[in-house]
Amino acid sequence: QVQVVESGGGLVQPGESLRLSCAASGSTLRVSNMAWYRQAPGNRREFVAAIVGSTGALSYADSVKGRFTISSIAANNTGYLTMNNLKPEDTAVYLCAAELDYRNCWGQGTQVTVSS
């Protein structure tokens, strides 16, 4: 059974950085595409960033452009989201969606809190 696990969240001050990891296991298939979403309390889940594995095409939400970077998908089905110059409004649970066999597999998320 496929399992997706995010890690790397934490409590940081505004302006600091974090790197989130997303690891998919339990499948012999390669993750074809990977995306990050986030959800703050009381808010809807929102798109953050995505990468198309076959082409390397990237997309970002306007709110994170220039600050966040999504990595390519490694052969071991791991990807990263590097977040720089974090702001209080980036506070949320960050979730990874790893596409395997045309189906998105979701993790439980990792909490990112940006506060002084």
C-alpha atoms as a PDB file:
ATOM      1  CA  GLN A   1       0.000   0.000   0.000  1.00  0.00           C
ATOM      2  CA  VAL A   2       1.301   3.409  -0.939  1.00  0.00           C
ATOM      3  CA  GLN A   3       2.242   5.688   1.907  1.00  0.00           C
ATOM      4  CA  VAL A   4       3.133   9.363   1.611  1.00  0.00           C
ATOM      5  CA  VAL A   5       4.899  11.031   4.506  1.00  0.00           C
ATOM      6  CA  GLU A   6       5.714  14.709   4.846  1.00  0.00           C
ATOM      7  CA  SER A   7       8.307  16.003   7.275  1.00  0.00           C
ATOM      8  CA  GLY A   8      10.365  19.070   8.020  1.00  0.00           C
ATOM      9  CA  GLY A   9       7.761  21.411   9.420  1.00  0.00           C
ATOM     10  CA  GLY A  10       8.236  23.419  12.561  1.00  0.00           C
ATOM     11  CA  LEU A  11       8.056  26.776  14.285  1.00  0.00           C
ATOM     12  CA  VAL A  12      10.151  29.525  12.729  1.00  0.00           C
ATOM     13  CA  GLN A  13      10.349  33.289  12.874  1.00  0.00           C
ATOM     14  CA  PRO A  14       9.382  35.525   9.958  1.00  0.00           C
ATOM     15  CA  GLY A  15      12.129  35.664   7.363  1.00  0.00           C
ATOM     16  CA  GLU A  16      13.498  32.249   8.195  1.00  0.00           C
ATOM     17  CA  SER A  17      13.519  29.152   6.005  1.00  0.00           C
ATOM     18  CA  LEU A  18      12.359  25.557   6.107  1.00  0.00           C
ATOM     19  CA  ARG A  19      12.695  22.582   3.808  1.00  0.00           C
ATOM     20  CA  LEU A  20       9.827  20.125   3.690  1.00  0.00           C
ATOM     21  CA  SER A  21      10.223  16.568   2.492  1.00  0.00           C
ATOM     22  CA  CYS A  22       7.706  14.291   0.824  1.00  0.00           C
ATOM     23  CA  ALA A  23       8.469  10.594   0.619  1.00  0.00           C
ATOM     24  CA  ALA A  24       6.255   8.066  -1.164  1.00  0.00           C
ATOM     25  CA  SER A  25       6.781   4.386  -0.434  1.00  0.00           C
ATOM     26  CA  GLY A  26       5.073   1.073  -0.977  1.00  0.00           C
ATOM     27  CA  SER A  27       5.011   1.094  -4.760  1.00  0.00           C
ATOM     28  CA  THR A  28       7.331  -0.080  -7.487  1.00  0.00           C
ATOM     29  CA  LEU A  29       6.099   2.756  -9.689  1.00  0.00           C
ATOM     30  CA  ARG A  30       7.804   6.112 -10.024  1.00  0.00           C
ATOM     31  CA  VAL A  31       5.975   9.178  -8.792  1.00  0.00           C
ATOM     32  CA  SER A  32       5.033  10.967 -11.981  1.00  0.00           C
ATOM     33  CA  ASN A  33       4.018  14.328 -10.570  1.00  0.00           C
ATOM     34  CA  MET A  34       4.205  15.926  -7.159  1.00  0.00           C
ATOM     35  CA  ALA A  35       2.376  18.863  -5.656  1.00  0.00           C
ATOM     36  CA  TRP A  36       2.228  20.709  -2.375  1.00  0.00           C
ATOM     37  CA  TYR A  37      -0.889  22.187  -0.854  1.00  0.00           C
ATOM     38  CA  ARG A  38      -1.552  23.895   2.436  1.00  0.00           C
ATOM     39  CA  GLN A  39      -4.485  24.387   4.716  1.00  0.00           C
ATOM     40  CA  ALA A  40      -4.758  26.888   7.522  1.00  0.00           C
ATOM     41  CA  PRO A  41      -7.425  26.558  10.237  1.00  0.00           C
ATOM     42  CA  GLY A  42     -10.786  27.660   8.919  1.00  0.00           C
ATOM     43  CA  ASN A  43      -9.492  27.952   5.372  1.00  0.00           C
ATOM     44  CA  ARG A  44      -9.846  25.821   2.291  1.00  0.00           C
ATOM     45  CA  ARG A  45      -6.948  23.759   1.046  1.00  0.00           C
ATOM     46  CA  GLU A  46      -4.919  25.829  -1.375  1.00  0.00           C
ATOM     47  CA  PHE A  47      -2.399  24.986  -4.027  1.00  0.00           C
ATOM     48  CA  VAL A  48       1.223  25.913  -3.319  1.00  0.00           C
ATOM     49  CA  ALA A  49       3.512  24.357  -5.928  1.00  0.00           C
ATOM     50  CA  ALA A  50       3.764  21.465  -8.359  1.00  0.00           C
ATOM     51  CA  ILE A  51       6.216  19.751 -10.631  1.00  0.00           C
ATOM     52  CA  VAL A  52       5.608  17.536 -13.662  1.00  0.00           C
ATOM     53  CA  GLY A  53       8.136  14.756 -13.376  1.00  0.00           C
ATOM     54  CA  SER A  54       8.539  14.012 -17.070  1.00  0.00           C
ATOM     55  CA  THR A  55       9.154  17.576 -18.180  1.00  0.00           C
ATOM     56  CA  GLY A  56      10.275  19.358 -15.063  1.00  0.00           C
ATOM     57  CA  ALA A  57       7.552  21.950 -15.591  1.00  0.00           C
ATOM     58  CA  LEU A  58       6.926  23.968 -12.444  1.00  0.00           C
ATOM     59  CA  SER A  59       3.999  25.942 -11.194  1.00  0.00           C
ATOM     60  CA  TYR A  60       3.578  28.093  -8.092  1.00  0.00           C
ATOM     61  CA  ALA A  61       0.865  29.985  -6.354  1.00  0.00           C
ATOM     62  CA  ASP A  62       1.346  33.716  -6.727  1.00  0.00           C
ATOM     63  CA  SER A  63       1.650  34.080  -2.974  1.00  0.00           C
ATOM     64  CA  VAL A  64       4.811  31.960  -2.856  1.00  0.00           C
ATOM     65  CA  LYS A  65       6.527  32.791  -6.152  1.00  0.00           C
ATOM     66  CA  GLY A  66      10.099  33.846  -5.626  1.00  0.00           C
ATOM     67  CA  ARG A  67      10.174  32.450  -2.095  1.00  0.00           C
ATOM     68  CA  PHE A  68       9.345  28.746  -2.427  1.00  0.00           C
ATOM     69  CA  THR A  69      11.073  26.191  -4.635  1.00  0.00           C
ATOM     70  CA  ILE A  70       9.820  22.701  -5.428  1.00  0.00           C
ATOM     71  CA  SER A  71      12.500  20.168  -6.249  1.00  0.00           C
ATOM     72  CA  SER A  72      12.605  17.524  -8.921  1.00  0.00           C
ATOM     73  CA  ILE A  73      11.362  14.082  -7.956  1.00  0.00           C
ATOM     74  CA  ALA A  74      14.185  11.782  -6.975  1.00  0.00           C
ATOM     75  CA  ALA A  75      14.411   8.171  -8.080  1.00  0.00           C
ATOM     76  CA  ASN A  76      13.451   7.070  -4.581  1.00  0.00           C
ATOM     77  CA  ASN A  77      10.145   8.951  -4.921  1.00  0.00           C
ATOM     78  CA  THR A  78      11.189  11.803  -2.644  1.00  0.00           C
ATOM     79  CA  GLY A  79      10.673  15.481  -3.268  1.00  0.00           C
ATOM     80  CA  TYR A  80      11.231  18.708  -1.388  1.00  0.00           C
ATOM     81  CA  LEU A  81       9.722  22.117  -0.932  1.00  0.00           C
ATOM     82  CA  THR A  82      12.214  24.780   0.108  1.00  0.00           C
ATOM     83  CA  MET A  83      10.559  27.765   1.704  1.00  0.00           C
ATOM     84  CA  ASN A  84      12.487  30.992   2.154  1.00  0.00           C
ATOM     85  CA  ASN A  85      11.524  34.330   3.673  1.00  0.00           C
ATOM     86  CA  LEU A  86       8.610  32.762   5.484  1.00  0.00           C
ATOM     87  CA  LYS A  87       5.740  34.997   6.529  1.00  0.00           C
ATOM     88  CA  PRO A  88       3.102  34.580   9.225  1.00  0.00           C
ATOM     89  CA  GLU A  89       0.510  34.037   6.501  1.00  0.00           C
ATOM     90  CA  ASP A  90       2.416  30.920   5.425  1.00  0.00           C
ATOM     91  CA  THR A  91       1.325  29.237   8.650  1.00  0.00           C
ATOM     92  CA  ALA A  92      -0.605  26.091   7.738  1.00  0.00           C
ATOM     93  CA  VAL A  93      -0.489  22.325   7.488  1.00  0.00           C
ATOM     94  CA  TYR A  94       1.439  21.492   4.343  1.00  0.00           C
ATOM     95  CA  LEU A  95       0.353  18.412   2.439  1.00  0.00           C
ATOM     96  CA  CYS A  96       2.034  16.547  -0.369  1.00  0.00           C
ATOM     97  CA  ALA A  97       0.201  14.870  -3.237  1.00  0.00           C
ATOM     98  CA  ALA A  98       2.260  12.267  -5.059  1.00  0.00           C
ATOM     99  CA  GLU A  99       0.766  10.974  -8.292  1.00  0.00           C
ATOM    100  CA  LEU A 100       1.227   7.270  -8.839  1.00  0.00           C
ATOM    101  CA  ASP A 101      -0.475   5.339 -11.615  1.00  0.00           C
ATOM    102  CA  TYR A 102      -2.658   8.390 -12.399  1.00  0.00           C
ATOM    103  CA  ARG A 103      -3.901   8.622  -8.831  1.00  0.00           C
ATOM    104  CA  ASN A 104      -2.991  11.216  -6.215  1.00  0.00           C
ATOM    105  CA  CYS A 105      -1.772   9.785  -2.925  1.00  0.00           C
ATOM    106  CA  TRP A 106      -1.869  12.166   0.017  1.00  0.00           C
ATOM    107  CA  GLY A 107       0.106  12.379   3.193  1.00  0.00           C
ATOM    108  CA  GLN A 108      -1.113  13.531   6.593  1.00  0.00           C
ATOM    109  CA  GLY A 109       0.737  16.816   6.394  1.00  0.00           C
ATOM    110  CA  THR A 110       3.353  18.668   8.394  1.00  0.00           C
ATOM    111  CA  GLN A 111       2.671  21.788  10.431  1.00  0.00           C
ATOM    112  CA  VAL A 112       4.490  24.997   9.579  1.00  0.00           C
ATOM    113  CA  THR A 113       4.109  27.882  12.005  1.00  0.00           C
ATOM    114  CA  VAL A 114       5.657  31.260  11.325  1.00  0.00           C
ATOM    115  CA  SER A 115       5.543  33.530  14.337  1.00  0.00           C
ATOM    116  CA  SER A 116       7.708  35.985  16.176  1.00  0.00           C
END
